[in-house]
């Protein structure tokens, strides 16, 4: 059961955690955290665009 759960929800949970980190880093930090937030928020966007044109 655990293997099936991770196969189905692993990537969406990873993208949600990455998006949450990016939003919090961009809102609460300055300097390096702004760049890390920008980078973290661009990963899901890149994956959506890549899968759209696939």
N, C-alpha and C. Protein backbone atom coordinates (compact mmCIF):
# COMPACT_ATOMS: atom_id res chain seq x y z
N UNK A 1 0.82 -1.20 0.00
CA UNK A 1 0.00 0.00 0.00
C UNK A 1 0.86 1.26 0.00
N UNK A 2 1.97 1.25 0.75
CA UNK A 2 2.81 2.44 0.83
C UNK A 2 3.42 2.77 -0.53
N UNK A 3 3.84 1.76 -1.25
CA UNK A 3 4.45 1.97 -2.55
C UNK A 3 3.45 2.62 -3.52
N UNK A 4 2.20 2.20 -3.49
CA UNK A 4 1.18 2.77 -4.36
C UNK A 4 0.89 4.22 -3.97
N UNK A 5 0.83 4.49 -2.67
CA UNK A 5 0.58 5.85 -2.21
C UNK A 5 1.67 6.80 -2.69
N UNK A 6 2.92 6.40 -2.56
CA UNK A 6 4.02 7.27 -2.99
C UNK A 6 4.07 7.42 -4.51
N UNK A 7 3.71 6.38 -5.23
CA UNK A 7 3.68 6.49 -6.68
C UNK A 7 2.65 7.51 -7.14
N UNK A 8 1.51 7.53 -6.45
CA UNK A 8 0.43 8.42 -6.84
C UNK A 8 0.63 9.85 -6.33
N UNK A 9 1.04 9.99 -5.09
CA UNK A 9 1.07 11.30 -4.45
C UNK A 9 2.47 11.85 -4.19
N UNK A 10 3.51 11.13 -4.54
CA UNK A 10 4.88 11.57 -4.26
C UNK A 10 5.24 12.88 -4.93
N UNK A 11 5.06 12.95 -6.22
CA UNK A 11 5.43 14.16 -6.95
C UNK A 11 4.53 15.36 -6.61
N UNK A 12 3.21 15.21 -6.51
CA UNK A 12 2.40 16.36 -6.10
C UNK A 12 2.76 16.88 -4.70
N UNK A 13 3.10 15.97 -3.77
CA UNK A 13 3.49 16.43 -2.43
C UNK A 13 4.84 17.15 -2.48
N UNK A 14 5.75 16.68 -3.29
CA UNK A 14 7.05 17.34 -3.43
C UNK A 14 6.89 18.73 -4.05
N UNK A 15 6.06 18.85 -5.08
CA UNK A 15 5.83 20.14 -5.70
C UNK A 15 5.10 21.10 -4.77
N UNK A 16 4.19 20.59 -3.95
CA UNK A 16 3.50 21.43 -2.97
C UNK A 16 4.47 21.94 -1.92
N UNK A 17 5.35 21.09 -1.43
CA UNK A 17 6.34 21.52 -0.43
C UNK A 17 7.31 22.52 -1.04
N UNK A 18 7.71 22.32 -2.27
CA UNK A 18 8.61 23.24 -2.94
C UNK A 18 7.94 24.59 -3.16
N UNK A 19 6.68 24.59 -3.54
CA UNK A 19 5.94 25.84 -3.72
C UNK A 19 5.74 26.57 -2.40
N UNK A 20 5.44 25.83 -1.35
CA UNK A 20 5.28 26.45 -0.03
C UNK A 20 6.59 27.08 0.44
N UNK A 21 7.68 26.37 0.27
CA UNK A 21 8.98 26.93 0.63
C UNK A 21 9.28 28.18 -0.19
N UNK A 22 9.00 28.14 -1.49
CA UNK A 22 9.27 29.29 -2.34
C UNK A 22 8.45 30.50 -1.95
N UNK A 23 7.18 30.30 -1.64
CA UNK A 23 6.33 31.41 -1.23
C UNK A 23 6.79 32.00 0.09
N UNK A 24 7.09 31.15 1.06
CA UNK A 24 7.53 31.66 2.36
C UNK A 24 8.90 32.34 2.26
N UNK A 25 9.79 31.78 1.49
CA UNK A 25 11.12 32.38 1.34
C UNK A 25 11.03 33.74 0.66
N UNK A 26 10.19 33.85 -0.35
CA UNK A 26 10.06 35.13 -1.07
C UNK A 26 9.36 36.18 -0.21
N UNK A 27 8.42 35.76 0.62
CA UNK A 27 7.69 36.73 1.44
C UNK A 27 8.46 37.16 2.68
N UNK A 28 9.17 36.24 3.29
CA UNK A 28 9.79 36.53 4.58
C UNK A 28 11.27 36.87 4.52
N UNK A 29 11.92 36.59 3.43
CA UNK A 29 13.36 36.78 3.37
C UNK A 29 13.77 37.89 2.43
N UNK A 30 15.03 38.26 2.56
CA UNK A 30 15.65 39.22 1.66
C UNK A 30 16.96 38.64 1.15
N UNK A 31 17.41 39.17 0.05
CA UNK A 31 18.69 38.74 -0.50
C UNK A 31 18.64 37.34 -1.06
N UNK A 32 19.40 36.45 -0.43
CA UNK A 32 19.51 35.08 -0.94
C UNK A 32 18.18 34.35 -0.90
N UNK A 33 17.36 34.60 0.12
CA UNK A 33 16.07 33.92 0.20
C UNK A 33 15.13 34.34 -0.94
N UNK A 34 15.26 35.57 -1.41
CA UNK A 34 14.47 35.98 -2.58
C UNK A 34 14.82 35.14 -3.80
N UNK A 35 16.12 34.91 -4.00
CA UNK A 35 16.54 34.11 -5.14
C UNK A 35 16.16 32.65 -4.99
N UNK A 36 16.26 32.12 -3.76
CA UNK A 36 15.84 30.74 -3.53
C UNK A 36 14.34 30.59 -3.73
N UNK A 37 13.57 31.59 -3.31
CA UNK A 37 12.12 31.56 -3.52
C UNK A 37 11.78 31.59 -5.00
N UNK A 38 12.47 32.44 -5.73
CA UNK A 38 12.26 32.52 -7.18
C UNK A 38 12.59 31.20 -7.84
N UNK A 39 13.67 30.60 -7.43
CA UNK A 39 14.08 29.32 -8.00
C UNK A 39 13.08 28.21 -7.65
N UNK A 40 12.65 28.18 -6.40
CA UNK A 40 11.71 27.14 -5.96
C UNK A 40 10.37 27.28 -6.67
N UNK A 41 9.91 28.50 -6.92
CA UNK A 41 8.63 28.70 -7.60
C UNK A 41 8.72 28.47 -9.10
N UNK A 42 9.92 28.54 -9.65
CA UNK A 42 10.05 28.33 -11.09
C UNK A 42 10.08 26.84 -11.46
N UNK A 43 10.40 25.97 -10.53
CA UNK A 43 10.48 24.54 -10.83
C UNK A 43 9.11 23.98 -11.22
N UNK A 44 8.04 24.20 -10.43
CA UNK A 44 6.73 23.69 -10.86
C UNK A 44 6.27 24.31 -12.18
N UNK A 45 6.55 25.57 -12.38
CA UNK A 45 6.19 26.22 -13.63
C UNK A 45 6.92 25.58 -14.81
N UNK A 46 8.20 25.32 -14.64
CA UNK A 46 8.98 24.66 -15.68
C UNK A 46 8.42 23.27 -16.00
N UNK A 47 8.04 22.53 -14.97
CA UNK A 47 7.49 21.18 -15.19
C UNK A 47 6.14 21.23 -15.91
N UNK A 48 5.32 22.20 -15.59
CA UNK A 48 4.02 22.34 -16.27
C UNK A 48 4.24 22.67 -17.74
N UNK A 49 5.12 23.59 -18.02
CA UNK A 49 5.39 23.99 -19.41
C UNK A 49 6.00 22.82 -20.18
N UNK A 50 6.94 22.11 -19.55
CA UNK A 50 7.57 20.97 -20.23
C UNK A 50 6.57 19.87 -20.55
N UNK A 51 5.67 19.57 -19.62
CA UNK A 51 4.68 18.53 -19.88
C UNK A 51 3.58 18.99 -20.85
N UNK A 52 3.33 20.28 -20.91
CA UNK A 52 2.34 20.78 -21.86
C UNK A 52 2.80 20.60 -23.29
N UNK A 53 4.07 20.87 -23.55
CA UNK A 53 4.60 20.76 -24.91
C UNK A 53 5.14 19.39 -25.24
N UNK A 54 5.03 18.45 -24.33
CA UNK A 54 5.54 17.09 -24.55
C UNK A 54 4.68 16.33 -25.52
